[in-house]
């Protein structure tokens, strides 16, 4: 029954595999993750629509989406990097399409760049490199946008920002490096293919229907908005999977130490493990209860968010927290 309702079971399985879950996840687990992600997307679109109405606009913008995650500085930094490289790829593609006509004119005059051919090291290459340089995405609520004049950027600004904001990304890369180091060639090829899993890539029409475009919001989404939602949905699945894996590891450790359910049978299985048996790490994948507990923990509010209501009789109504 879950398979009939699901639209992204295969993509979610691939995302969970990249996030560290190598086992065969049940359809109920992927269906639960898909529903959680869908509710998150609908909540984001509803909030974006309210922001657009407040400023008198009919369509939502990428700034409306980024504003929803403004409190998660590492995620905003990763999203800005994603958008910057997307702009670089688009500029490089446009320059390649126009490059054929431009190359025909090289050498026609005796100017300083007349002798520069494609693949050379003349001024044209430097200009192209400057043009295709990764641009920094500016946000209207940042203090730098309050002033008419911009502070000149330093070359080390980007490095300082990456060191400060991308600690989660570096931790994920270290985990991926440790995991792929022991992979065979075929396993690594599979892992590399699964890293391209997406809710939106070449599935734009299906994603628009699934997310509720036309129902939740009347605005027609641009390609940039769909790409941002594709990036954020991958982050949601990855965050849920990583938290669920932590919960399962703690549960397995507790069972091993306290001799929980079927403790004697587990010991017998360990003694009877054969030479060609798969490693015990991926034998039991995460289940729906692990996903539920992971979602509950990710929805918990910090104490400082509830401090102002302490000692009052006001009900503490909390909306859906974005993962």
Protein backbone atom coordinates (compact mmCIF):
# COMPACT_ATOMS: atom_id res chain seq x y z
CA UNK A 1 0.00 0.00 0.00
CA UNK A 2 2.91 2.30 0.75
CA UNK A 3 4.38 1.63 -2.69
CA UNK A 4 1.20 2.86 -4.42
CA UNK A 5 1.25 6.18 -2.59
CA UNK A 6 5.00 6.76 -2.76
CA UNK A 7 6.57 8.72 -5.58
CA UNK A 8 10.16 8.94 -4.35
CA UNK A 9 10.92 5.59 -2.74
CA UNK A 10 13.94 4.90 -4.95
CA UNK A 11 15.35 8.41 -4.53
CA UNK A 12 14.92 8.30 -0.73
CA UNK A 13 16.63 4.91 -0.56
CA UNK A 14 19.58 6.30 -2.52
CA UNK A 15 19.78 9.41 -0.32
CA UNK A 16 19.70 7.25 2.81
CA UNK A 17 22.46 5.06 1.39
CA UNK A 18 24.66 8.11 0.84
CA UNK A 19 23.81 9.32 4.36
CA UNK A 20 25.11 6.11 5.92
CA UNK A 21 22.23 3.63 5.81
CA UNK A 22 23.45 0.68 3.73
CA UNK A 23 20.64 -1.71 4.61
CA UNK A 24 17.43 -2.45 2.73
CA UNK A 25 14.98 0.06 4.17
CA UNK A 26 11.33 -0.97 4.39
CA UNK A 27 8.67 0.79 2.28
CA UNK A 28 7.00 2.00 5.49
CA UNK A 29 10.19 3.82 6.52
CA UNK A 30 10.68 5.54 3.17
CA UNK A 31 6.97 6.43 3.09
CA UNK A 32 7.27 8.09 6.48
CA UNK A 33 10.33 10.08 5.38
CA UNK A 34 8.59 11.14 2.18
CA UNK A 35 5.55 12.38 4.10
CA UNK A 36 7.74 14.30 6.57
CA UNK A 37 9.66 15.96 3.75
CA UNK A 38 6.43 16.78 1.91
CA UNK A 39 4.95 18.47 4.98
CA UNK A 40 8.17 20.44 5.37
CA UNK A 41 8.03 21.64 1.75
CA UNK A 42 4.35 22.60 2.08
CA UNK A 43 5.13 24.58 5.25
CA UNK A 44 7.95 26.42 3.49
CA UNK A 45 5.74 27.29 0.51
CA UNK A 46 2.94 28.49 2.80
CA UNK A 47 5.34 30.77 4.69
CA UNK A 48 6.85 32.04 1.44
CA UNK A 49 3.40 32.85 0.08
CA UNK A 50 2.57 34.85 3.23
CA UNK A 51 5.80 36.84 2.84
CA UNK A 52 5.01 37.56 -0.81
CA UNK A 53 1.49 38.75 0.07
CA UNK A 54 2.85 41.09 2.75
CA UNK A 55 5.07 42.90 0.27
CA UNK A 56 2.34 42.95 -2.38
CA UNK A 57 3.92 40.44 -4.76
CA UNK A 58 2.21 37.59 -6.57
CA UNK A 59 5.20 35.30 -6.87
CA UNK A 60 7.65 33.96 -4.34
CA UNK A 61 11.38 34.51 -4.73
CA UNK A 62 14.52 32.63 -3.75
CA UNK A 63 15.02 35.11 -0.90
CA UNK A 64 11.67 34.01 0.54
CA UNK A 65 12.92 30.44 0.63
CA UNK A 66 16.31 31.26 2.11
CA UNK A 67 14.60 33.42 4.73
CA UNK A 68 12.89 30.29 6.09
CA UNK A 69 16.26 28.77 7.08
CA UNK A 70 18.04 32.02 8.03
CA UNK A 71 18.66 30.77 11.60
CA UNK A 72 20.60 27.73 10.33
CA UNK A 73 23.83 29.47 9.32
CA UNK A 74 25.69 26.33 8.10
CA UNK A 75 22.77 25.34 5.86
CA UNK A 76 22.49 28.88 4.47
CA UNK A 77 26.21 28.81 3.74
CA UNK A 78 25.93 25.49 1.90
CA UNK A 79 22.94 26.77 -0.07
CA UNK A 80 24.78 29.94 -1.06
CA UNK A 81 27.71 27.84 -2.23
CA UNK A 82 25.31 25.68 -4.24
CA UNK A 83 23.74 28.74 -5.91
CA UNK A 84 27.14 30.30 -6.57
CA UNK A 85 28.47 27.24 -8.37
CA UNK A 86 25.21 26.93 -10.26
CA UNK A 87 25.73 30.48 -11.53
CA UNK A 88 29.32 29.62 -12.48
CA UNK A 89 28.18 26.59 -14.48
CA UNK A 90 25.52 28.65 -16.24
CA UNK A 91 28.04 31.39 -17.12
CA UNK A 92 30.54 28.84 -18.37
CA UNK A 93 27.88 27.18 -20.51
CA UNK A 94 26.83 30.51 -22.00
CA UNK A 95 30.44 31.45 -22.72
CA UNK A 96 31.04 28.08 -24.39
CA UNK A 97 28.04 28.60 -26.65
CA UNK A 98 29.31 32.02 -27.67
CA UNK A 99 32.92 30.93 -27.79
CA UNK A 100 32.77 29.58 -31.34
CA UNK A 101 31.96 32.95 -32.87
CA UNK A 102 34.41 34.77 -30.64
CA UNK A 103 37.27 32.43 -31.53
CA UNK A 104 36.81 33.15 -35.23
CA UNK A 105 37.64 36.82 -34.66
CA UNK A 106 40.87 36.15 -32.81
CA UNK A 107 43.87 37.25 -34.82
CA UNK A 108 41.93 39.59 -37.10
CA UNK A 109 43.56 42.68 -35.59
CA UNK A 110 47.01 43.41 -34.32
CA UNK A 111 45.84 44.28 -30.81
CA UNK A 112 47.44 43.00 -27.60
CA UNK A 113 45.23 39.89 -27.54
CA UNK A 114 45.40 39.17 -31.27
CA UNK A 115 47.67 36.16 -31.03
CA UNK A 116 45.81 34.41 -28.27
CA UNK A 117 44.27 31.12 -29.36
CA UNK A 118 41.85 28.91 -27.42
CA UNK A 119 43.80 27.17 -24.67
CA UNK A 120 46.42 29.94 -24.52
CA UNK A 121 47.38 32.05 -21.53
CA UNK A 122 46.57 35.52 -22.77
CA UNK A 123 44.27 38.21 -21.43
CA UNK A 124 41.17 36.51 -22.81
CA UNK A 125 41.70 33.56 -20.47
CA UNK A 126 42.07 35.90 -17.49
CA UNK A 127 38.91 37.76 -18.42
CA UNK A 128 37.02 34.51 -18.78
CA UNK A 129 38.28 33.36 -15.39
CA UNK A 130 37.10 36.58 -13.76
CA UNK A 131 33.74 36.28 -15.48
CA UNK A 132 33.28 32.68 -14.35
CA UNK A 133 34.45 33.37 -10.81
CA UNK A 134 32.10 32.09 -8.13
CA UNK A 135 29.89 35.03 -7.20
CA UNK A 136 28.79 35.55 -3.61
CA UNK A 137 25.04 35.42 -3.09
CA UNK A 138 23.92 38.51 -1.17
CA UNK A 139 20.83 38.45 1.04
CA UNK A 140 18.67 41.54 1.75
CA UNK A 141 18.52 41.03 5.54
CA UNK A 142 22.30 40.99 5.99
CA UNK A 143 23.89 44.14 7.51
CA UNK A 144 25.98 44.71 4.37
CA UNK A 145 22.78 45.30 2.35
CA UNK A 146 21.80 48.27 4.54
CA UNK A 147 24.45 50.51 2.97
CA UNK A 148 24.69 51.90 -0.53
CA UNK A 149 28.44 51.31 -0.79
CA UNK A 150 29.91 47.84 -0.63
CA UNK A 151 33.07 46.94 1.23
CA UNK A 152 35.72 45.52 -1.13
CA UNK A 153 35.98 41.76 -0.78
CA UNK A 154 39.19 40.12 0.28
CA UNK A 155 40.40 36.86 -1.15
CA UNK A 156 40.43 35.21 2.29
CA UNK A 157 36.84 36.19 3.17
CA UNK A 158 35.42 33.08 1.57
CA UNK A 159 37.90 30.80 3.32
CA UNK A 160 37.03 32.27 6.73
CA UNK A 161 33.33 31.80 6.05
CA UNK A 162 33.78 28.20 4.96
CA UNK A 163 35.85 27.40 8.05
CA UNK A 164 33.25 28.98 10.30
CA UNK A 165 30.02 27.72 8.72
CA UNK A 166 30.75 24.40 7.04
CA UNK A 167 31.77 22.27 10.03
CA UNK A 168 28.82 19.95 9.39
CA UNK A 169 29.82 19.58 5.77
CA UNK A 170 33.40 18.74 6.74
CA UNK A 171 32.17 16.15 9.25
CA UNK A 172 30.00 14.54 6.55
CA UNK A 173 32.93 14.51 4.15
CA UNK A 174 35.12 12.79 6.75
CA UNK A 175 32.46 10.15 7.31
CA UNK A 176 32.10 9.65 3.56
CA UNK A 177 35.88 9.35 3.20
CA UNK A 178 36.09 6.73 5.95
CA UNK A 179 33.22 4.82 4.39
CA UNK A 180 34.41 4.91 0.78
CA UNK A 181 37.98 3.98 1.73
CA UNK A 182 36.96 0.35 2.26
CA UNK A 183 34.61 0.14 -0.74
CA UNK A 184 35.26 -1.94 -3.81
CA UNK A 185 35.23 -0.33 -7.24
CA UNK A 186 31.65 -1.44 -7.94
CA UNK A 187 30.43 -0.19 -4.56
CA UNK A 188 32.07 3.17 -5.09
CA UNK A 189 30.47 3.53 -8.53
CA UNK A 190 27.08 2.79 -6.97
CA UNK A 191 27.72 5.28 -4.17
CA UNK A 192 28.75 7.96 -6.69
CA UNK A 193 25.57 7.40 -8.70
CA UNK A 194 23.39 7.58 -5.61
CA UNK A 195 24.91 10.94 -4.67
CA UNK A 196 23.07 12.39 -7.69
CA UNK A 197 19.66 11.40 -6.28
CA UNK A 198 17.22 14.28 -6.28
CA UNK A 199 13.54 15.05 -5.83
CA UNK A 200 13.63 17.61 -8.63
CA UNK A 201 16.29 16.77 -11.23
CA UNK A 202 14.42 15.87 -14.45
CA UNK A 203 11.27 15.40 -12.32
CA UNK A 204 9.98 18.98 -12.32
CA UNK A 205 6.36 18.19 -13.17
CA UNK A 206 6.12 15.34 -10.67
CA UNK A 207 7.69 17.48 -7.95
CA UNK A 208 5.32 20.40 -8.56
CA UNK A 209 2.30 18.12 -8.19
CA UNK A 210 3.80 16.38 -5.15
CA UNK A 211 4.72 19.65 -3.38
CA UNK A 212 1.34 21.28 -3.95
CA UNK A 213 2.17 24.05 -6.40
CA UNK A 214 -1.14 25.46 -7.56
CA UNK A 215 -2.81 24.46 -4.28
CA UNK A 216 -0.54 25.74 -1.51
CA UNK A 217 0.69 28.62 -3.65
CA UNK A 218 -0.63 30.01 -6.91
CA UNK A 219 2.76 31.26 -8.05
CA UNK A 220 4.52 29.39 -10.82
CA UNK A 221 7.93 28.28 -9.49
CA UNK A 222 11.05 29.29 -11.35
CA UNK A 223 13.88 26.87 -12.05
CA UNK A 224 15.95 28.41 -9.25
CA UNK A 225 13.18 27.82 -6.70
CA UNK A 226 12.79 24.20 -7.79
CA UNK A 227 16.57 23.70 -7.56
CA UNK A 228 16.67 25.22 -4.07
CA UNK A 229 13.83 22.96 -2.93
CA UNK A 230 15.68 19.99 -4.42
CA UNK A 231 18.77 20.95 -2.40
CA UNK A 232 16.78 21.40 0.81
CA UNK A 233 14.84 18.15 0.45
CA UNK A 234 18.10 16.23 0.10
CA UNK A 235 19.34 17.96 3.27
CA UNK A 236 16.15 16.97 5.07
CA UNK A 237 16.47 13.29 4.18
CA UNK A 238 20.15 13.35 5.10
CA UNK A 239 19.52 15.00 8.48
CA UNK A 240 16.68 12.60 9.33
CA UNK A 241 18.76 9.58 8.34
CA UNK A 242 21.83 10.65 10.31
CA UNK A 243 19.76 11.32 13.44
CA UNK A 244 17.93 7.99 13.06
CA UNK A 245 21.23 6.14 12.69
CA UNK A 246 22.49 7.72 15.92
CA UNK A 247 19.33 6.61 17.72
CA UNK A 248 19.64 3.08 16.38
CA UNK A 249 23.32 2.86 17.35
CA UNK A 250 22.49 3.90 20.92
CA UNK A 251 19.65 1.37 20.97
CA UNK A 252 21.90 -1.44 19.71
CA UNK A 253 24.60 -0.49 22.22
CA UNK A 254 22.08 -0.58 25.06
CA UNK A 255 20.81 -3.99 23.96
CA UNK A 256 24.34 -5.33 23.74
CA UNK A 257 25.29 -4.11 27.20
CA UNK A 258 22.06 -4.94 29.00
CA UNK A 259 21.24 -8.10 27.11
CA UNK A 260 17.99 -6.70 25.76
CA UNK A 261 15.57 -8.48 23.48
CA UNK A 262 16.87 -11.84 22.29
CA UNK A 263 20.27 -11.18 23.85
CA UNK A 264 21.19 -14.89 23.92
CA UNK A 265 20.16 -15.40 20.31
CA UNK A 266 22.32 -12.47 19.21
CA UNK A 267 25.37 -14.00 20.90
CA UNK A 268 24.74 -17.32 19.16
CA UNK A 269 24.44 -15.52 15.83
CA UNK A 270 27.77 -13.79 16.38
CA UNK A 271 29.46 -17.08 17.15
CA UNK A 272 27.88 -18.78 14.13
CA UNK A 273 28.68 -15.97 11.66
CA UNK A 274 30.17 -17.40 8.49
CA UNK A 275 33.04 -16.25 6.34
CA UNK A 276 30.83 -14.84 3.59
CA UNK A 277 28.21 -13.23 5.84
CA UNK A 278 27.80 -9.47 5.36
CA UNK A 279 29.15 -7.23 8.11
CA UNK A 280 26.89 -6.80 11.10
CA UNK A 281 26.85 -3.00 10.66
CA UNK A 282 24.28 -2.99 7.88
CA UNK A 283 22.18 -6.05 8.79
CA UNK A 284 19.28 -4.22 10.42
CA UNK A 285 18.35 -0.91 8.83
CA UNK A 286 16.62 1.93 10.62
CA UNK A 287 12.90 1.44 11.18
CA UNK A 288 9.90 3.72 11.44
CA UNK A 289 10.32 4.14 15.20
CA UNK A 290 13.83 5.47 14.69
CA UNK A 291 12.56 7.98 12.12
CA UNK A 292 9.75 9.04 14.47
CA UNK A 293 12.17 9.61 17.34
CA UNK A 294 14.59 11.46 15.06
CA UNK A 295 11.80 13.75 13.88
CA UNK A 296 10.69 14.34 17.48
CA UNK A 297 14.21 15.34 18.51
CA UNK A 298 14.64 17.61 15.52
CA UNK A 299 11.33 19.31 16.37
CA UNK A 300 12.30 20.00 19.98
CA UNK A 301 12.69 23.68 20.81
CA UNK A 302 15.68 25.09 22.70
CA UNK A 303 15.06 26.37 26.21
CA UNK A 304 15.74 29.97 25.25
CA UNK A 305 12.80 29.79 22.81
CA UNK A 306 10.45 28.87 25.67
CA UNK A 307 11.97 31.06 28.39
CA UNK A 308 9.67 34.06 27.83
CA UNK A 309 6.57 31.92 28.44
CA UNK A 310 7.77 30.38 31.69
CA UNK A 311 5.56 31.31 34.65
CA UNK A 312 2.67 32.37 32.42
CA UNK A 313 -0.61 30.70 31.59
CA UNK A 314 -0.24 31.29 27.88
CA UNK A 315 -0.39 28.08 25.87
CA UNK A 316 2.89 27.25 24.18
CA UNK A 317 1.68 26.67 20.65
CA UNK A 318 4.53 25.73 18.36
CA UNK A 319 4.35 25.41 14.62
CA UNK A 320 6.18 22.93 12.43
CA UNK A 321 9.91 23.43 12.76
CA UNK A 322 11.88 23.16 9.52
CA UNK A 323 14.57 20.49 9.52
